Amino acid sequence: MPTRKLLWKVKDPRGLVVCLANDIWQEHVAYRPEIKDYLDAVALTVKDPDAIYFDPKTTALRTTGAQIYWYYRSGLTQGKYAGNYVAVVVKFVAENSHLLRGYVESALLPNDIMRRLAPEWTRT
């Protein structure tokens, strides 16, 4: 299996490593073209979010034991999307002796925070 090209790797405020692979980003931009100018904002949202939320519904649907978290940050959007959040969906999996590593699955520009999410961490 070829090694994926990473666009970036950052640590979130909890000290967990999160990566974004180029192929995932390209596929996602094709699906959500409005996010294409926000690559740096996506990294900043993971590195320095306003809040992190656990997604119990999506996590329960995973058979692999992965945990799904949403990272939100405001103040990074402009133009048509001014006032929206940057939201990043990250899948965490246990690797190398149960060390959790995160992989960006999705990024979007929502108007609000999904109600089903459970607060995990908030900037103080």
C-alpha atoms as a PDB file:
ATOM      1  CA  MET A   1       0.000   0.000   0.000  1.00  0.00           C
ATOM      2  CA  PRO A   2       1.529   3.368  -0.979  1.00  0.00           C
ATOM      3  CA  THR A   3       2.158   5.972   1.683  1.00  0.00           C
ATOM      4  CA  ARG A   4      -0.316   8.830   1.665  1.00  0.00           C
ATOM      5  CA  LYS A   5       0.947  12.367   1.157  1.00  0.00           C
ATOM      6  CA  LEU A   6       0.027  14.435   4.191  1.00  0.00           C
ATOM      7  CA  LEU A   7      -0.920  18.081   3.738  1.00  0.00           C
ATOM      8  CA  TRP A   8      -0.445  18.729   7.434  1.00  0.00           C
ATOM      9  CA  LYS A   9      -0.202  17.177  10.871  1.00  0.00           C
ATOM     10  CA  VAL A  10      -1.109  19.247  13.957  1.00  0.00           C
ATOM     11  CA  LYS A  11      -1.823  18.700  17.645  1.00  0.00           C
ATOM     12  CA  ASP A  12      -5.199  19.622  19.031  1.00  0.00           C
ATOM     13  CA  PRO A  13      -5.562  21.362  22.437  1.00  0.00           C
ATOM     14  CA  ARG A  14      -5.774  17.962  24.127  1.00  0.00           C
ATOM     15  CA  GLY A  15      -2.385  16.971  22.694  1.00  0.00           C
ATOM     16  CA  LEU A  16      -3.786  14.508  20.142  1.00  0.00           C
ATOM     17  CA  VAL A  17      -2.247  14.381  16.662  1.00  0.00           C
ATOM     18  CA  VAL A  18      -4.566  14.997  13.706  1.00  0.00           C
ATOM     19  CA  CYS A  19      -3.549  14.537  10.039  1.00  0.00           C
ATOM     20  CA  LEU A  20      -5.032  15.542   6.710  1.00  0.00           C
ATOM     21  CA  ALA A  21      -4.087  13.486   3.658  1.00  0.00           C
ATOM     22  CA  ASN A  22      -3.969  15.099   0.225  1.00  0.00           C
ATOM     23  CA  ASP A  23      -6.273  12.519  -1.389  1.00  0.00           C
ATOM     24  CA  ILE A  24      -8.930  13.038   1.287  1.00  0.00           C
ATOM     25  CA  TRP A  25      -8.739  16.814   0.825  1.00  0.00           C
ATOM     26  CA  GLN A  26      -9.018  16.546  -2.971  1.00  0.00           C
ATOM     27  CA  GLU A  27     -12.011  14.211  -2.737  1.00  0.00           C
ATOM     28  CA  HIS A  28     -13.649  16.486  -0.210  1.00  0.00           C
ATOM     29  CA  VAL A  29     -13.079  19.652  -2.252  1.00  0.00           C
ATOM     30  CA  ALA A  30     -14.708  17.905  -5.227  1.00  0.00           C
ATOM     31  CA  TYR A  31     -17.733  17.156  -3.019  1.00  0.00           C
ATOM     32  CA  ARG A  32     -17.798  20.516  -1.160  1.00  0.00           C
ATOM     33  CA  PRO A  33     -16.114  23.072  -3.428  1.00  0.00           C
ATOM     34  CA  GLU A  34     -16.923  25.929  -1.016  1.00  0.00           C
ATOM     35  CA  ILE A  35     -14.233  24.599   1.360  1.00  0.00           C
ATOM     36  CA  LYS A  36     -11.342  24.750  -1.174  1.00  0.00           C
ATOM     37  CA  ASP A  37     -10.066  28.167  -0.031  1.00  0.00           C
ATOM     38  CA  TYR A  38     -10.125  27.144   3.627  1.00  0.00           C
ATOM     39  CA  LEU A  39      -7.297  24.592   3.875  1.00  0.00           C
ATOM     40  CA  ASP A  40      -5.345  26.746   6.360  1.00  0.00           C
ATOM     41  CA  ALA A  41      -8.540  27.503   8.309  1.00  0.00           C
ATOM     42  CA  VAL A  42      -9.237  23.767   8.600  1.00  0.00           C
ATOM     43  CA  ALA A  43      -5.785  23.209  10.139  1.00  0.00           C
ATOM     44  CA  LEU A  44      -6.244  26.186  12.478  1.00  0.00           C
ATOM     45  CA  THR A  45      -9.666  24.910  13.528  1.00  0.00           C
ATOM     46  CA  VAL A  46      -8.137  21.602  14.642  1.00  0.00           C
ATOM     47  CA  LYS A  47      -5.093  23.215  16.244  1.00  0.00           C
ATOM     48  CA  ASP A  48      -6.954  26.042  18.009  1.00  0.00           C
ATOM     49  CA  PRO A  49     -10.733  25.412  18.011  1.00  0.00           C
ATOM     50  CA  ASP A  50     -13.401  27.301  19.898  1.00  0.00           C
ATOM     51  CA  ALA A  51     -14.844  23.932  20.932  1.00  0.00           C
ATOM     52  CA  ILE A  52     -14.581  20.183  20.351  1.00  0.00           C
ATOM     53  CA  TYR A  53     -17.681  17.977  20.380  1.00  0.00           C
ATOM     54  CA  PHE A  54     -18.070  14.202  20.559  1.00  0.00           C
ATOM     55  CA  ASP A  55     -20.468  12.692  17.990  1.00  0.00           C
ATOM     56  CA  PRO A  56     -22.138   9.755  19.784  1.00  0.00           C
ATOM     57  CA  LYS A  57     -24.484   8.871  16.902  1.00  0.00           C
ATOM     58  CA  THR A  58     -21.798   8.549  14.219  1.00  0.00           C
ATOM     59  CA  THR A  59     -19.390   6.854  16.638  1.00  0.00           C
ATOM     60  CA  ALA A  60     -22.034   4.225  17.468  1.00  0.00           C
ATOM     61  CA  LEU A  61     -22.392   3.413  13.767  1.00  0.00           C
ATOM     62  CA  ARG A  62     -18.679   2.592  13.411  1.00  0.00           C
ATOM     63  CA  THR A  63     -17.747  -1.044  13.738  1.00  0.00           C
ATOM     64  CA  THR A  64     -14.020  -0.298  13.886  1.00  0.00           C
ATOM     65  CA  GLY A  65     -14.052   1.311  17.315  1.00  0.00           C
ATOM     66  CA  ALA A  66     -13.281   4.732  15.835  1.00  0.00           C
ATOM     67  CA  GLN A  67     -14.460   7.809  17.710  1.00  0.00           C
ATOM     68  CA  ILE A  68     -15.820  10.815  15.826  1.00  0.00           C
ATOM     69  CA  TYR A  69     -15.284  14.402  16.980  1.00  0.00           C
ATOM     70  CA  TRP A  70     -16.311  17.749  15.502  1.00  0.00           C
ATOM     71  CA  TYR A  71     -14.015  20.778  15.838  1.00  0.00           C
ATOM     72  CA  TYR A  72     -15.630  24.208  15.466  1.00  0.00           C
ATOM     73  CA  ARG A  73     -14.138  27.662  15.069  1.00  0.00           C
ATOM     74  CA  SER A  74     -15.799  30.962  14.224  1.00  0.00           C
ATOM     75  CA  GLY A  75     -14.356  34.113  12.674  1.00  0.00           C
ATOM     76  CA  LEU A  76     -12.465  32.395   9.840  1.00  0.00           C
ATOM     77  CA  THR A  77     -14.970  32.650   6.998  1.00  0.00           C
ATOM     78  CA  GLN A  78     -15.586  35.478   4.573  1.00  0.00           C
ATOM     79  CA  GLY A  79     -17.725  36.553   1.617  1.00  0.00           C
ATOM     80  CA  LYS A  80     -20.817  34.423   1.126  1.00  0.00           C
ATOM     81  CA  TYR A  81     -19.859  32.329   4.169  1.00  0.00           C
ATOM     82  CA  ALA A  82     -18.998  35.215   6.533  1.00  0.00           C
ATOM     83  CA  GLY A  83     -20.365  34.408   9.960  1.00  0.00           C
ATOM     84  CA  ASN A  84     -20.374  30.640   9.402  1.00  0.00           C
ATOM     85  CA  TYR A  85     -18.231  28.249  11.381  1.00  0.00           C
ATOM     86  CA  VAL A  86     -15.401  26.179  10.030  1.00  0.00           C
ATOM     87  CA  ALA A  87     -16.268  22.655  11.201  1.00  0.00           C
ATOM     88  CA  VAL A  88     -13.872  19.728  10.891  1.00  0.00           C
ATOM     89  CA  VAL A  89     -14.925  16.117  11.416  1.00  0.00           C
ATOM     90  CA  VAL A  90     -12.088  13.974  12.769  1.00  0.00           C
ATOM     91  CA  LYS A  91     -12.006  10.199  13.162  1.00  0.00           C
ATOM     92  CA  PHE A  92      -9.772   9.001  16.002  1.00  0.00           C
ATOM     93  CA  VAL A  93      -8.428   5.459  15.950  1.00  0.00           C
ATOM     94  CA  ALA A  94      -6.166   3.627  18.368  1.00  0.00           C
ATOM     95  CA  GLU A  95      -2.726   2.974  16.905  1.00  0.00           C
ATOM     96  CA  ASN A  96       0.561   1.697  18.319  1.00  0.00           C
ATOM     97  CA  SER A  97      -0.319   0.591  21.830  1.00  0.00           C
ATOM     98  CA  HIS A  98      -3.651   2.390  21.901  1.00  0.00           C
ATOM     99  CA  LEU A  99      -2.244   5.831  21.064  1.00  0.00           C
ATOM    100  CA  LEU A 100      -5.113   7.799  19.514  1.00  0.00           C
ATOM    101  CA  ARG A 101      -4.457   9.402  16.144  1.00  0.00           C
ATOM    102  CA  GLY A 102      -6.927  11.590  14.311  1.00  0.00           C
ATOM    103  CA  TYR A 103      -7.677  11.720  10.605  1.00  0.00           C
ATOM    104  CA  VAL A 104      -9.741  14.470   9.022  1.00  0.00           C
ATOM    105  CA  GLU A 105     -12.814  12.945   7.395  1.00  0.00           C
ATOM    106  CA  SER A 106     -14.709  16.067   6.446  1.00  0.00           C
ATOM    107  CA  ALA A 107     -14.764  19.853   6.621  1.00  0.00           C
ATOM    108  CA  LEU A 108     -17.675  22.175   6.105  1.00  0.00           C
ATOM    109  CA  LEU A 109     -18.961  25.695   6.741  1.00  0.00           C
ATOM    110  CA  PRO A 110     -22.164  25.324   8.798  1.00  0.00           C
ATOM    111  CA  ASN A 111     -24.331  28.089  10.228  1.00  0.00           C
ATOM    112  CA  ASP A 112     -24.627  26.455  13.628  1.00  0.00           C
ATOM    113  CA  ILE A 113     -23.466  23.602  15.842  1.00  0.00           C
ATOM    114  CA  MET A 114     -25.276  20.297  15.440  1.00  0.00           C
ATOM    115  CA  ARG A 115     -27.574  19.613  18.399  1.00  0.00           C
ATOM    116  CA  ARG A 116     -26.764  15.908  18.687  1.00  0.00           C
ATOM    117  CA  LEU A 117     -23.121  16.623  19.562  1.00  0.00           C
ATOM    118  CA  ALA A 118     -21.850  16.372  23.141  1.00  0.00           C
ATOM    119  CA  PRO A 119     -19.420  19.045  24.377  1.00  0.00           C
ATOM    120  CA  GLU A 120     -15.958  17.569  24.990  1.00  0.00           C
ATOM    121  CA  TRP A 121     -13.662  20.610  25.251  1.00  0.00           C
ATOM    122  CA  THR A 122     -14.220  24.379  25.177  1.00  0.00           C
ATOM    123  CA  ARG A 123     -11.692  27.180  24.977  1.00  0.00           C
ATOM    124  CA  THR A 124     -11.645  29.051  28.272  1.00  0.00           C
END
